Amino acid sequence: MQWNEFRRPVSVDFVPRGSLCEWCGKPAERQLTAIGGVFHNESGMFCRPCGEKFSQSVMNSLQAATAVQLDPQQNA
């Protein structure tokens, strides 16, 4: 699993003023970019609630990938 320098699977950047959330259309607060996993390099501008959902989706995919790698029964 890849982690950025702050030990997070998602990098957080500022968005230009007036940007809208890509999921719901509300004002965006941050641009989030996934680091590693199936969402690697996927990014978008999100409001806080949608950003939390995006981050949770990334975390879930990384945990699932790690579980598959660690489970010898699934690797056989």
PDB file of N, CA and C in Angstrom:
ATOM      1  N   MET A   1       0.857  -1.182   0.000  1.00  0.00           N
ATOM      2  CA  MET A   1       0.000   0.000   0.000  1.00  0.00           C
ATOM      3  C   MET A   1       0.894   1.234   0.000  1.00  0.00           C
ATOM      4  N   GLN A   2       0.559   2.196  -0.810  1.00  0.00           N
ATOM      5  CA  GLN A   2       1.347   3.416  -0.877  1.00  0.00           C
ATOM      6  C   GLN A   2       0.719   4.500   0.003  1.00  0.00           C
ATOM      7  N   TRP A   3       1.571   5.260   0.665  1.00  0.00           N
ATOM      8  CA  TRP A   3       1.122   6.349   1.521  1.00  0.00           C
ATOM      9  C   TRP A   3       1.953   7.570   1.202  1.00  0.00           C
ATOM     10  N   ASN A   4       1.348   8.748   1.294  1.00  0.00           N
ATOM     11  CA  ASN A   4       2.124   9.963   1.057  1.00  0.00           C
ATOM     12  C   ASN A   4       2.911  10.329   2.312  1.00  0.00           C
ATOM     13  N   GLU A   5       3.594  11.451   2.268  1.00  0.00           N
ATOM     14  CA  GLU A   5       4.469  11.828   3.369  1.00  0.00           C
ATOM     15  C   GLU A   5       3.734  12.087   4.681  1.00  0.00           C
ATOM     16  N   PHE A   6       2.440  12.237   4.649  1.00  0.00           N
ATOM     17  CA  PHE A   6       1.664  12.446   5.863  1.00  0.00           C
ATOM     18  C   PHE A   6       0.953  11.169   6.289  1.00  0.00           C
ATOM     19  N   ARG A   7       1.359  10.038   5.686  1.00  0.00           N
ATOM     20  CA  ARG A   7       0.797   8.723   6.001  1.00  0.00           C
ATOM     21  C   ARG A   7      -0.689   8.648   5.697  1.00  0.00           C
ATOM     22  N   ARG A   8      -1.085   9.258   4.596  1.00  0.00           N
ATOM     23  CA  ARG A   8      -2.472   9.241   4.151  1.00  0.00           C
ATOM     24  C   ARG A   8      -2.535   8.672   2.737  1.00  0.00           C
ATOM     25  N   PRO A   9      -3.592   7.936   2.402  1.00  0.00           N
ATOM     26  CA  PRO A   9      -3.716   7.398   1.045  1.00  0.00           C
ATOM     27  C   PRO A   9      -4.311   8.386   0.051  1.00  0.00           C
ATOM     28  N   VAL A  10      -4.612   9.605   0.519  1.00  0.00           N
ATOM     29  CA  VAL A  10      -5.213  10.634  -0.338  1.00  0.00           C
ATOM     30  C   VAL A  10      -4.467  11.942  -0.100  1.00  0.00           C
ATOM     31  N   SER A  11      -4.015  12.566  -1.185  1.00  0.00           N
ATOM     32  CA  SER A  11      -3.393  13.889  -1.025  1.00  0.00           C
ATOM     33  C   SER A  11      -4.480  14.950  -1.105  1.00  0.00           C
ATOM     34  N   VAL A  12      -4.259  16.049  -0.397  1.00  0.00           N
ATOM     35  CA  VAL A  12      -5.243  17.127  -0.297  1.00  0.00           C
ATOM     36  C   VAL A  12      -4.620  18.408  -0.822  1.00  0.00           C
ATOM     37  N   ASP A  13      -5.305  19.053  -1.761  1.00  0.00           N
ATOM     38  CA  ASP A  13      -4.843  20.323  -2.323  1.00  0.00           C
ATOM     39  C   ASP A  13      -5.970  21.344  -2.299  1.00  0.00           C
ATOM     40  N   PHE A  14      -5.590  22.604  -2.442  1.00  0.00           N
ATOM     41  CA  PHE A  14      -6.574  23.678  -2.520  1.00  0.00           C
ATOM     42  C   PHE A  14      -7.260  23.663  -3.881  1.00  0.00           C
ATOM     43  N   VAL A  15      -8.435  24.254  -3.946  1.00  0.00           N
ATOM     44  CA  VAL A  15      -9.147  24.398  -5.222  1.00  0.00           C
ATOM     45  C   VAL A  15      -9.297  25.883  -5.531  1.00  0.00           C
ATOM     46  N   PRO A  16      -9.403  26.231  -6.798  1.00  0.00           N
ATOM     47  CA  PRO A  16      -9.641  27.626  -7.146  1.00  0.00           C
ATOM     48  C   PRO A  16     -10.993  28.112  -6.595  1.00  0.00           C
ATOM     49  N   ARG A  17     -11.028  29.338  -6.203  1.00  0.00           N
ATOM     50  CA  ARG A  17     -12.263  29.924  -5.696  1.00  0.00           C
ATOM     51  C   ARG A  17     -13.368  29.762  -6.742  1.00  0.00           C
ATOM     52  N   GLY A  18     -14.536  29.391  -6.292  1.00  0.00           N
ATOM     53  CA  GLY A  18     -15.678  29.217  -7.190  1.00  0.00           C
ATOM     54  C   GLY A  18     -15.812  27.812  -7.752  1.00  0.00           C
ATOM     55  N   SER A  19     -14.895  26.897  -7.384  1.00  0.00           N
ATOM     56  CA  SER A  19     -14.976  25.519  -7.864  1.00  0.00           C
ATOM     57  C   SER A  19     -16.159  24.803  -7.225  1.00  0.00           C
ATOM     58  N   LEU A  20     -16.706  23.872  -7.976  1.00  0.00           N
ATOM     59  CA  LEU A  20     -17.860  23.111  -7.497  1.00  0.00           C
ATOM     60  C   LEU A  20     -17.491  21.650  -7.293  1.00  0.00           C
ATOM     61  N   CYS A  21     -18.165  21.027  -6.337  1.00  0.00           N
ATOM     62  CA  CYS A  21     -17.982  19.615  -6.064  1.00  0.00           C
ATOM     63  C   CYS A  21     -18.408  18.816  -7.294  1.00  0.00           C
ATOM     64  N   GLU A  22     -17.557  17.868  -7.683  1.00  0.00           N
ATOM     65  CA  GLU A  22     -17.841  17.067  -8.865  1.00  0.00           C
ATOM     66  C   GLU A  22     -18.964  16.065  -8.651  1.00  0.00           C
ATOM     67  N   TRP A  23     -19.287  15.760  -7.403  1.00  0.00           N
ATOM     68  CA  TRP A  23     -20.329  14.783  -7.126  1.00  0.00           C
ATOM     69  C   TRP A  23     -21.689  15.406  -6.884  1.00  0.00           C
ATOM     70  N   CYS A  24     -21.735  16.551  -6.192  1.00  0.00           N
ATOM     71  CA  CYS A  24     -23.055  17.102  -5.825  1.00  0.00           C
ATOM     72  C   CYS A  24     -23.305  18.521  -6.321  1.00  0.00           C
ATOM     73  N   GLY A  25     -22.257  19.212  -6.781  1.00  0.00           N
ATOM     74  CA  GLY A  25     -22.429  20.559  -7.311  1.00  0.00           C
ATOM     75  C   GLY A  25     -22.349  21.679  -6.281  1.00  0.00           C
ATOM     76  N   LYS A  26     -22.186  21.344  -5.003  1.00  0.00           N
ATOM     77  CA  LYS A  26     -22.017  22.368  -3.966  1.00  0.00           C
ATOM     78  C   LYS A  26     -20.609  22.949  -4.068  1.00  0.00           C
ATOM     79  N   PRO A  27     -20.349  24.060  -3.381  1.00  0.00           N
ATOM     80  CA  PRO A  27     -18.996  24.633  -3.424  1.00  0.00           C
ATOM     81  C   PRO A  27     -17.942  23.622  -2.958  1.00  0.00           C
ATOM     82  N   ALA A  28     -16.870  23.494  -3.744  1.00  0.00           N
ATOM     83  CA  ALA A  28     -15.783  22.561  -3.412  1.00  0.00           C
ATOM     84  C   ALA A  28     -14.839  23.202  -2.404  1.00  0.00           C
ATOM     85  N   GLU A  29     -14.304  22.375  -1.516  1.00  0.00           N
ATOM     86  CA  GLU A  29     -13.370  22.852  -0.505  1.00  0.00           C
ATOM     87  C   GLU A  29     -11.948  22.374  -0.759  1.00  0.00           C
ATOM     88  N   ARG A  30     -11.779  21.179  -1.325  1.00  0.00           N
ATOM     89  CA  ARG A  30     -10.456  20.602  -1.532  1.00  0.00           C
ATOM     90  C   ARG A  30     -10.435  19.735  -2.785  1.00  0.00           C
ATOM     91  N   GLN A  31      -9.247  19.611  -3.377  1.00  0.00           N
ATOM     92  CA  GLN A  31      -9.044  18.639  -4.431  1.00  0.00           C
ATOM     93  C   GLN A  31      -8.349  17.447  -3.797  1.00  0.00           C
ATOM     94  N   LEU A  32      -8.913  16.267  -3.987  1.00  0.00           N
ATOM     95  CA  LEU A  32      -8.371  15.056  -3.401  1.00  0.00           C
ATOM     96  C   LEU A  32      -7.849  14.153  -4.513  1.00  0.00           C
ATOM     97  N   THR A  33      -6.692  13.557  -4.295  1.00  0.00           N
ATOM     98  CA  THR A  33      -6.101  12.636  -5.257  1.00  0.00           C
ATOM     99  C   THR A  33      -5.714  11.363  -4.529  1.00  0.00           C
ATOM    100  N   ALA A  34      -6.193  10.224  -5.042  1.00  0.00           N
ATOM    101  CA  ALA A  34      -5.876   8.927  -4.444  1.00  0.00           C
ATOM    102  C   ALA A  34      -4.437   8.547  -4.752  1.00  0.00           C
ATOM    103  N   ILE A  35      -3.779   7.939  -3.772  1.00  0.00           N
ATOM    104  CA  ILE A  35      -2.397   7.494  -3.926  1.00  0.00           C
ATOM    105  C   ILE A  35      -2.396   5.983  -3.749  1.00  0.00           C
ATOM    106  N   GLY A  36      -2.255   5.259  -4.833  1.00  0.00           N
ATOM    107  CA  GLY A  36      -2.215   3.805  -4.792  1.00  0.00           C
ATOM    108  C   GLY A  36      -3.594   3.183  -4.897  1.00  0.00           C
ATOM    109  N   GLY A  37      -3.618   1.865  -4.967  1.00  0.00           N
ATOM    110  CA  GLY A  37      -4.861   1.107  -5.049  1.00  0.00           C
ATOM    111  C   GLY A  37      -5.550   1.261  -6.394  1.00  0.00           C
ATOM    112  N   VAL A  38      -6.784   0.786  -6.460  1.00  0.00           N
ATOM    113  CA  VAL A  38      -7.526   0.814  -7.719  1.00  0.00           C
ATOM    114  C   VAL A  38      -7.913   2.238  -8.128  1.00  0.00           C
ATOM    115  N   PHE A  39      -7.893   3.162  -7.194  1.00  0.00           N
ATOM    116  CA  PHE A  39      -8.240   4.547  -7.499  1.00  0.00           C
ATOM    117  C   PHE A  39      -7.008   5.414  -7.746  1.00  0.00           C
ATOM    118  N   HIS A  40      -5.815   4.800  -7.887  1.00  0.00           N
ATOM    119  CA  HIS A  40      -4.566   5.556  -8.011  1.00  0.00           C
ATOM    120  C   HIS A  40      -4.672   6.658  -9.059  1.00  0.00           C
ATOM    121  N   ASN A  41      -4.300   7.847  -8.657  1.00  0.00           N
ATOM    122  CA  ASN A  41      -4.298   9.062  -9.476  1.00  0.00           C
ATOM    123  C   ASN A  41      -5.685   9.564  -9.860  1.00  0.00           C
ATOM    124  N   GLU A  42      -6.748   8.934  -9.388  1.00  0.00           N
ATOM    125  CA  GLU A  42      -8.072   9.512  -9.598  1.00  0.00           C
ATOM    126  C   GLU A  42      -8.200  10.672  -8.631  1.00  0.00           C
ATOM    127  N   SER A  43      -8.777  11.751  -9.123  1.00  0.00           N
ATOM    128  CA  SER A  43      -8.889  12.926  -8.271  1.00  0.00           C
ATOM    129  C   SER A  43     -10.133  13.704  -8.628  1.00  0.00           C
ATOM    130  N   GLY A  44     -10.430  14.655  -7.793  1.00  0.00           N
ATOM    131  CA  GLY A  44     -11.562  15.521  -8.051  1.00  0.00           C
ATOM    132  C   GLY A  44     -11.658  16.596  -7.007  1.00  0.00           C
ATOM    133  N   MET A  45     -12.512  17.561  -7.282  1.00  0.00           N
ATOM    134  CA  MET A  45     -12.781  18.634  -6.334  1.00  0.00           C
ATOM    135  C   MET A  45     -14.072  18.286  -5.609  1.00  0.00           C
ATOM    136  N   PHE A  46     -14.034  18.379  -4.279  1.00  0.00           N
ATOM    137  CA  PHE A  46     -15.149  17.903  -3.474  1.00  0.00           C
ATOM    138  C   PHE A  46     -15.513  18.880  -2.364  1.00  0.00           C
ATOM    139  N   CYS A  47     -16.805  18.885  -2.003  1.00  0.00           N
ATOM    140  CA  CYS A  47     -17.236  19.529  -0.763  1.00  0.00           C
ATOM    141  C   CYS A  47     -16.818  18.587   0.364  1.00  0.00           C
ATOM    142  N   ARG A  48     -16.960  18.993   1.585  1.00  0.00           N
ATOM    143  CA  ARG A  48     -16.500  18.168   2.706  1.00  0.00           C
ATOM    144  C   ARG A  48     -17.202  16.805   2.753  1.00  0.00           C
ATOM    145  N   PRO A  49     -18.546  16.721   2.719  1.00  0.00           N
ATOM    146  CA  PRO A  49     -19.185  15.392   2.814  1.00  0.00           C
ATOM    147  C   PRO A  49     -18.802  14.458   1.660  1.00  0.00           C
ATOM    148  N   CYS A  50     -18.766  14.966   0.443  1.00  0.00           N
ATOM    149  CA  CYS A  50     -18.408  14.115  -0.698  1.00  0.00           C
ATOM    150  C   CYS A  50     -16.937  13.741  -0.643  1.00  0.00           C
ATOM    151  N   GLY A  51     -16.095  14.639  -0.172  1.00  0.00           N
ATOM    152  CA  GLY A  51     -14.676  14.339  -0.014  1.00  0.00           C
ATOM    153  C   GLY A  51     -14.453  13.224   0.991  1.00  0.00           C
ATOM    154  N   GLU A  52     -15.244  13.226   2.062  1.00  0.00           N
ATOM    155  CA  GLU A  52     -15.132  12.154   3.050  1.00  0.00           C
ATOM    156  C   GLU A  52     -15.556  10.824   2.445  1.00  0.00           C
ATOM    157  N   LYS A  53     -16.592  10.838   1.610  1.00  0.00           N
ATOM    158  CA  LYS A  53     -17.044   9.606   0.937  1.00  0.00           C
ATOM    159  C   LYS A  53     -15.975   9.110  -0.044  1.00  0.00           C
ATOM    160  N   PHE A  54     -15.366  10.028  -0.790  1.00  0.00           N
ATOM    161  CA  PHE A  54     -14.297   9.655  -1.717  1.00  0.00           C
ATOM    162  C   PHE A  54     -13.131   9.034  -0.950  1.00  0.00           C
ATOM    163  N   SER A  55     -12.719   9.690   0.122  1.00  0.00           N
ATOM    164  CA  SER A  55     -11.609   9.184   0.926  1.00  0.00           C
ATOM    165  C   SER A  55     -11.926   7.807   1.501  1.00  0.00           C
ATOM    166  N   GLN A  56     -13.148   7.615   1.958  1.00  0.00           N
ATOM    167  CA  GLN A  56     -13.539   6.314   2.510  1.00  0.00           C
ATOM    168  C   GLN A  56     -13.523   5.248   1.428  1.00  0.00           C
ATOM    169  N   SER A  57     -13.939   5.588   0.223  1.00  0.00           N
ATOM    170  CA  SER A  57     -13.896   4.630  -0.889  1.00  0.00           C
ATOM    171  C   SER A  57     -12.465   4.207  -1.183  1.00  0.00           C
ATOM    172  N   VAL A  58     -11.548   5.169  -1.161  1.00  0.00           N
ATOM    173  CA  VAL A  58     -10.133   4.859  -1.391  1.00  0.00           C
ATOM    174  C   VAL A  58      -9.620   3.951  -0.280  1.00  0.00           C
ATOM    175  N   MET A  59      -9.926   4.286   0.964  1.00  0.00           N
ATOM    176  CA  MET A  59      -9.479   3.470   2.102  1.00  0.00           C
ATOM    177  C   MET A  59     -10.025   2.046   2.000  1.00  0.00           C
ATOM    178  N   ASN A  60     -11.303   1.920   1.663  1.00  0.00           N
ATOM    179  CA  ASN A  60     -11.909   0.601   1.546  1.00  0.00           C
ATOM    180  C   ASN A  60     -11.225  -0.224   0.459  1.00  0.00           C
ATOM    181  N   SER A  61     -10.899   0.402  -0.667  1.00  0.00           N
ATOM    182  CA  SER A  61     -10.252  -0.341  -1.755  1.00  0.00           C
ATOM    183  C   SER A  61      -8.847  -0.777  -1.345  1.00  0.00           C
ATOM    184  N   LEU A  62      -8.132   0.065  -0.603  1.00  0.00           N
ATOM    185  CA  LEU A  62      -6.793  -0.298  -0.156  1.00  0.00           C
ATOM    186  C   LEU A  62      -6.843  -1.426   0.874  1.00  0.00           C
ATOM    187  N   GLN A  63      -7.823  -1.380   1.767  1.00  0.00           N
ATOM    188  CA  GLN A  63      -7.956  -2.433   2.766  1.00  0.00           C
ATOM    189  C   GLN A  63      -8.322  -3.757   2.113  1.00  0.00           C
ATOM    190  N   ALA A  64      -9.193  -3.718   1.112  1.00  0.00           N
ATOM    191  CA  ALA A  64      -9.578  -4.938   0.405  1.00  0.00           C
ATOM    192  C   ALA A  64      -8.381  -5.522  -0.336  1.00  0.00           C
ATOM    193  N   ALA A  65      -7.593  -4.675  -0.978  1.00  0.00           N
ATOM    194  CA  ALA A  65      -6.409  -5.142  -1.709  1.00  0.00           C
ATOM    195  C   ALA A  65      -5.394  -5.738  -0.750  1.00  0.00           C
ATOM    196  N   THR A  66      -5.217  -5.137   0.405  1.00  0.00           N
ATOM    197  CA  THR A  66      -4.280  -5.649   1.395  1.00  0.00           C
ATOM    198  C   THR A  66      -4.760  -6.992   1.933  1.00  0.00           C
ATOM    199  N   ALA A  67      -6.055  -7.131   2.169  1.00  0.00           N
ATOM    200  CA  ALA A  67      -6.597  -8.385   2.667  1.00  0.00           C
ATOM    201  C   ALA A  67      -6.375  -9.514   1.675  1.00  0.00           C
ATOM    202  N   VAL A  68      -6.532  -9.247   0.416  1.00  0.00           N
ATOM    203  CA  VAL A  68      -6.301 -10.255  -0.618  1.00  0.00           C
ATOM    204  C   VAL A  68      -4.847 -10.664  -0.646  1.00  0.00           C
ATOM    205  N   GLN A  69      -3.932  -9.693  -0.521  1.00  0.00           N
ATOM    206  CA  GLN A  69      -2.505 -10.003  -0.546  1.00  0.00           C
ATOM    207  C   GLN A  69      -2.073 -10.803   0.672  1.00  0.00           C
ATOM    208  N   LEU A  70      -2.707 -10.580   1.808  1.00  0.00           N
ATOM    209  CA  LEU A  70      -2.306 -11.239   3.041  1.00  0.00           C
ATOM    210  C   LEU A  70      -2.971 -12.587   3.252  1.00  0.00           C
ATOM    211  N   ASP A  71      -4.050 -12.879   2.542  1.00  0.00           N
ATOM    212  CA  ASP A  71      -4.789 -14.113   2.730  1.00  0.00           C
ATOM    213  C   ASP A  71      -4.243 -15.187   1.786  1.00  0.00           C
ATOM    214  N   PRO A  72      -3.468 -16.155   2.303  1.00  0.00           N
ATOM    215  CA  PRO A  72      -2.875 -17.169   1.440  1.00  0.00           C
ATOM    216  C   PRO A  72      -3.920 -18.033   0.740  1.00  0.00           C
ATOM    217  N   GLN A  73      -5.096 -18.188   1.316  1.00  0.00           N
ATOM    218  CA  GLN A  73      -6.155 -18.977   0.686  1.00  0.00           C
ATOM    219  C   GLN A  73      -6.620 -18.330  -0.617  1.00  0.00           C
ATOM    220  N   GLN A  74      -6.671 -17.012  -0.642  1.00  0.00           N
ATOM    221  CA  GLN A  74      -7.129 -16.316  -1.838  1.00  0.00           C
ATOM    222  C   GLN A  74      -6.017 -16.219  -2.877  1.00  0.00           C
ATOM    223  N   ASN A  75      -4.775 -16.326  -2.473  1.00  0.00           N
ATOM    224  CA  ASN A  75      -3.662 -16.233  -3.403  1.00  0.00           C
ATOM    225  C   ASN A  75      -3.348 -17.568  -4.061  1.00  0.00           C
ATOM    226  N   ALA A  76      -3.922 -18.663  -3.566  1.00  0.00           N
ATOM    227  CA  ALA A  76      -3.621 -19.991  -4.109  1.00  0.00           C
ATOM    228  C   ALA A  76      -4.318 -20.243  -5.425  1.00  0.00           C
TER     229      ALA A  76
END
